[in-house]
Protein backbone atom coordinates (compact mmCIF):
# COMPACT_ATOMS: atom_id res chain seq x y z
CA MET A 1 -0.08 0.01 0.05
CA GLU A 2 1.22 3.60 -0.97
CA PHE A 3 1.74 5.91 1.62
CA PHE A 4 2.99 8.91 -0.54
CA GLU A 5 2.39 12.62 0.97
CA TYR A 6 0.87 14.89 -1.62
CA ARG A 7 2.16 18.04 -0.24
CA ASN A 8 -0.01 21.36 -1.58
CA VAL A 9 2.75 24.15 -0.73
CA VAL A 10 0.56 26.83 -1.95
CA ILE A 11 -1.65 26.54 1.16
CA GLU A 12 1.22 24.70 3.54
CA THR A 13 3.90 27.76 2.41
CA PRO A 14 2.80 29.81 0.24
CA ASN A 15 5.38 32.05 0.45
CA SER A 16 8.10 29.59 -0.66
CA ARG A 17 9.77 29.01 -4.18
CA GLU A 18 7.69 25.79 -5.03
CA ALA A 19 4.55 27.66 -4.28
CA GLU A 20 5.44 30.68 -6.45
CA ALA A 21 6.42 28.20 -9.39
CA TYR A 22 2.86 27.04 -9.14
CA ARG A 23 1.54 30.38 -9.78
CA LYS A 24 3.92 30.90 -12.63
CA LEU A 25 2.51 27.72 -14.03
CA GLU A 26 -1.06 29.15 -13.95
CA LEU A 27 0.04 32.13 -15.19
CA ASN A 28 1.74 30.49 -18.38
CA ILE A 29 -1.49 28.27 -18.76
CA SER A 30 -3.55 31.77 -18.87
CA ILE A 31 -0.94 33.34 -21.49
CA THR A 32 -1.20 30.36 -23.41
CA SER A 33 -5.14 30.61 -23.68
CA ILE A 34 -5.82 34.52 -23.71
CA ASP A 35 -8.46 34.19 -27.09
CA LYS A 36 -10.19 31.05 -25.32
CA PRO A 37 -9.57 30.60 -21.24
CA LEU A 38 -9.01 27.21 -20.36
CA LYS A 39 -11.67 26.05 -17.32
CA VAL A 40 -11.07 22.71 -17.75
CA ILE A 41 -7.57 21.46 -17.34
CA GLN A 42 -6.60 17.75 -17.09
CA CYS A 43 -3.12 16.54 -15.52
CA THR A 44 -1.50 13.45 -16.55
CA SER A 45 1.82 12.04 -16.89
CA ALA A 46 3.62 9.30 -18.99
CA THR A 47 4.53 6.94 -16.06
CA PRO A 48 3.02 6.38 -12.44
CA GLU A 49 4.67 8.56 -9.89
CA ASP A 50 5.82 11.78 -12.04
CA GLY A 51 4.08 13.90 -9.87
CA LYS A 52 0.69 15.01 -11.90
CA THR A 53 -1.60 14.56 -8.66
CA THR A 54 0.85 17.24 -6.75
CA THR A 55 0.54 19.38 -9.97
CA ALA A 56 -3.26 18.84 -9.70
CA ILE A 57 -4.20 19.67 -6.60
CA ASN A 58 -1.32 22.73 -6.12
CA LEU A 59 -3.08 24.45 -9.38
CA ALA A 60 -6.01 24.47 -8.16
CA ALA A 61 -5.04 25.83 -4.78
CA VAL A 62 -3.81 28.62 -7.12
CA TYR A 63 -7.22 29.15 -8.47
CA ALA A 64 -8.68 29.13 -5.04
CA GLU A 65 -5.69 31.51 -3.65
CA LYS A 66 -7.02 33.94 -6.43
CA GLY A 67 -10.54 33.81 -5.46
CA LYS A 68 -11.91 31.40 -7.86
CA LYS A 69 -14.05 28.87 -7.59
CA VAL A 70 -12.54 25.57 -8.16
CA ILE A 71 -13.02 21.66 -8.36
CA ILE A 72 -10.62 18.58 -8.57
CA VAL A 73 -12.46 16.27 -10.03
CA ASP A 74 -10.51 12.68 -9.37
CA PHE A 75 -10.60 10.67 -13.13
CA ASP A 76 -7.92 8.28 -12.01
CA LEU A 77 -10.60 5.39 -11.23
CA ARG A 78 -7.81 2.58 -10.96
CA ARG A 79 -5.53 4.15 -8.46
CA PRO A 80 -7.27 7.16 -6.78
CA LYS A 81 -5.15 9.68 -4.96
CA ILE A 82 -7.07 12.76 -4.58
CA HIS A 83 -8.88 11.82 -1.19
CA ARG A 84 -5.41 10.95 0.19
CA ALA A 85 -4.03 14.58 -0.97
CA PHE A 86 -7.27 15.99 1.08
CA HIS A 87 -7.15 13.57 3.75
CA GLN A 88 -10.87 12.64 2.85
CA VAL A 89 -12.66 9.19 3.59
CA ASN A 90 -13.33 7.71 -0.17
CA ASP A 91 -16.44 6.17 0.59
CA LYS A 92 -18.63 8.31 -2.25
CA GLY A 93 -18.15 9.85 -5.60
CA PHE A 94 -18.22 9.44 -9.27
CA TYR A 95 -19.21 5.55 -9.12
CA ASP A 96 -22.45 6.80 -7.14
CA TYR A 97 -22.91 9.48 -10.02
CA ILE A 98 -22.43 6.58 -12.51
CA THR A 99 -23.88 3.27 -10.89
CA ASN A 100 -26.77 4.99 -8.64
CA ASP A 101 -27.84 7.76 -10.42
CA VAL A 102 -27.07 10.00 -7.53
CA ASP A 103 -26.98 14.04 -7.88
CA TYR A 104 -23.45 14.92 -8.18
CA HIS A 105 -24.02 17.99 -5.99
CA GLU A 106 -24.49 15.41 -3.28
CA LEU A 107 -20.68 14.03 -4.12
CA ILE A 108 -19.26 17.33 -3.97
CA ILE A 109 -16.93 18.05 -1.06
CA HIS A 110 -16.12 21.24 0.32
CA ASP A 111 -12.70 21.22 1.66
CA GLU A 112 -11.62 23.78 3.99
CA SER A 113 -9.01 24.81 1.73
CA ASN A 114 -11.72 26.30 -0.45
CA ILE A 115 -11.04 23.74 -3.35
CA ASP A 116 -14.41 21.51 -3.96
CA LEU A 117 -13.41 17.73 -4.85
CA ILE A 118 -15.43 14.80 -6.43
CA LEU A 119 -13.74 11.94 -5.40
CA THR A 120 -13.95 8.36 -7.06
CA GLY A 121 -16.04 6.55 -4.62
CA LYS A 122 -15.86 2.53 -4.98
CA HIS A 123 -14.07 0.87 -7.92
CA LEU A 124 -15.33 0.96 -11.24
CA SER A 125 -14.68 -1.91 -13.63
CA TYR A 126 -13.74 -0.99 -17.14
CA PRO A 127 -13.28 2.44 -16.23
CA ASN A 128 -12.06 3.40 -20.07
CA ILE A 129 -15.81 2.42 -21.03
CA ILE A 130 -17.36 4.18 -18.62
CA LEU A 131 -15.28 7.81 -19.16
CA GLU A 132 -16.44 7.41 -22.95
CA SER A 133 -19.72 7.74 -21.69
CA HIS A 134 -22.23 10.73 -22.14
CA LYS A 135 -22.46 10.71 -18.31
CA ALA A 136 -18.98 11.12 -17.69
CA SER A 137 -18.59 14.26 -20.48
CA GLY A 138 -21.93 15.83 -18.89
CA LEU A 139 -20.73 15.69 -15.57
CA ILE A 140 -17.77 17.93 -16.62
CA GLU A 141 -20.26 19.88 -18.93
CA SER A 142 -22.56 20.81 -15.90
CA LEU A 143 -19.51 21.48 -13.69
CA ARG A 144 -18.39 24.24 -16.34
CA LYS A 145 -21.67 26.09 -15.66
CA GLU A 146 -21.16 26.41 -11.91
CA TYR A 147 -16.92 26.58 -11.61
CA ASP A 148 -14.67 28.98 -12.76
CA TYR A 149 -12.04 26.24 -12.96
CA ILE A 150 -12.08 22.41 -13.06
CA VAL A 151 -9.16 20.77 -12.30
CA VAL A 152 -9.13 16.69 -13.78
CA ASP A 153 -6.48 14.08 -12.26
CA THR A 154 -6.40 11.00 -14.56
CA PRO A 155 -3.74 8.13 -14.86
CA PRO A 156 -0.62 8.06 -16.85
CA VAL A 157 -0.87 8.06 -20.53
CA LEU A 158 1.24 4.69 -21.21
CA SER A 159 -0.57 3.12 -18.19
CA VAL A 160 -3.96 3.21 -19.58
CA THR A 161 -5.92 4.59 -22.47
CA ASP A 162 -8.27 6.34 -20.03
CA PRO A 163 -6.48 10.04 -19.61
CA LEU A 164 -6.81 10.09 -23.63
CA VAL A 165 -10.68 9.31 -23.25
CA VAL A 166 -10.93 12.18 -21.29
CA SER A 167 -8.48 14.58 -23.15
CA LYS A 168 -11.37 14.89 -25.74
CA TYR A 169 -13.48 16.74 -23.46
CA VAL A 170 -11.29 19.01 -21.35
CA ASP A 171 -9.91 22.17 -22.89
CA GLY A 172 -5.99 21.66 -22.26
CA VAL A 173 -3.95 18.99 -20.72
CA VAL A 174 -0.72 19.81 -18.64
CA TYR A 175 1.68 17.14 -19.26
CA VAL A 176 4.31 16.36 -15.96
CA VAL A 177 7.57 14.56 -16.43
CA ALA A 178 9.51 14.03 -13.63
CA TYR A 179 13.25 15.18 -13.43
CA ASN A 180 15.92 12.14 -13.37
CA LYS A 181 12.81 9.86 -13.28
CA THR A 182 11.00 9.83 -16.39
CA LYS A 183 12.68 7.64 -19.20
CA LYS A 184 13.04 10.42 -21.95
CA ASP A 185 11.56 7.55 -24.34
CA ALA A 186 8.80 7.11 -22.19
CA ALA A 187 7.90 11.11 -22.08
CA LYS A 188 8.21 11.42 -25.77
CA GLU A 189 5.59 8.21 -26.38
CA GLY A 190 3.47 9.69 -23.80
CA LEU A 191 3.59 13.19 -25.58
CA ASN A 192 2.93 11.69 -28.72
CA GLN A 193 0.01 9.52 -27.85
CA LEU A 194 -1.60 12.83 -26.91
CA LYS A 195 -0.84 14.53 -29.78
CA PHE A 196 -2.19 11.68 -31.71
CA ASN A 197 -5.54 11.60 -30.47
CA ASN A 198 -5.57 15.49 -30.81
CA ALA A 199 -5.33 16.15 -27.41
CA ASN A 200 -4.88 20.22 -26.90
CA VAL A 201 -1.62 19.73 -24.71
CA VAL A 202 -0.89 23.27 -23.41
CA GLY A 203 2.41 22.69 -21.67
CA ALA A 204 4.32 20.43 -19.89
CA VAL A 205 5.70 20.38 -16.18
CA LEU A 206 9.17 19.60 -15.02
CA ALA A 207 8.89 18.14 -11.74
CA ASN A 208 11.04 17.01 -9.00
CA ILE A 209 14.25 18.74 -9.59
CA ASP A 210 16.34 18.84 -6.21
CA VAL A 211 18.03 22.11 -6.66
CA ARG A 212 20.50 20.50 -3.97
CA LYS A 213 22.22 18.44 -6.49
CA SER A 214 21.75 21.39 -9.31
CA ARG A 215 23.89 24.32 -10.06
CA LEU A 216 20.56 26.21 -8.05
CA GLY A 217 22.17 24.60 -4.85
CA TYR A 218 22.45 27.89 -3.12
CA TYR A 219 18.21 27.87 -2.73
CA LYS A 220 18.41 24.92 -0.14
CA ASP A 221 15.90 22.38 -0.20
CA TYR A 222 13.07 22.41 -2.58
CA HIS A 223 11.32 20.85 -5.33
CA TYR A 224 10.78 23.03 -8.34
CA TYR A 225 8.25 22.79 -10.72
CA GLY A 226 8.82 24.22 -14.18
CA TYR A 227 6.41 25.04 -17.00
CA HIS A 228 7.10 25.43 -20.83
CA ASN A 229 4.92 24.95 -23.75
CA THR A 230 5.62 21.93 -25.19
CA LYS A 231 5.26 23.61 -28.89
CA ASP A 232 8.39 24.89 -28.18
CA SER A 233 9.83 21.56 -27.54
CA GLU A 234 10.35 17.81 -29.26
């Protein structure tokens, strides 16, 4: 069983360099979408434990910090993590919406961080088929009418087809690559799969840079999350 700690540095250490990096991420996303603002933003990666969930919760925290109404939807139906990141019990959520036709308003958790959540709930068989349903995409469309921003956490691209399915009804995809962990070939293949499926990849986050081992060591102990537009990279 995993016991990874998902840090929301925007809330926990708002004056840190880490938190500021996420604010720069949000700024870069807004700059790339001046003419058509992105409301629904998907976070994914090539392989597991690359930092996608950490990126999702901190990006949402930046929106909340700016006074925006934001919700995180956990569409990682196979290995959900958002409930652990917010120390919530995953006893109800998307499962109930799909199988029991529960009104999604009853499933929204209003976290003390001012970030709303829809968790996965119980395990669902055939997640990729469920995510392709009109009911799944309809949930996102309904949330569009009520929230300024919707951040969607999905599985890694090279693990399952789920994130490719979800990418069809979000506005943009943030692709997370872990420094010194994600293999170069895996990062390229994941990005190619997203582009092949016509996903709007708005940028990539380089996660888990330990500056103590880099030329920026004088910044002491933090992990920097940089952002760049994938249109300018191979």
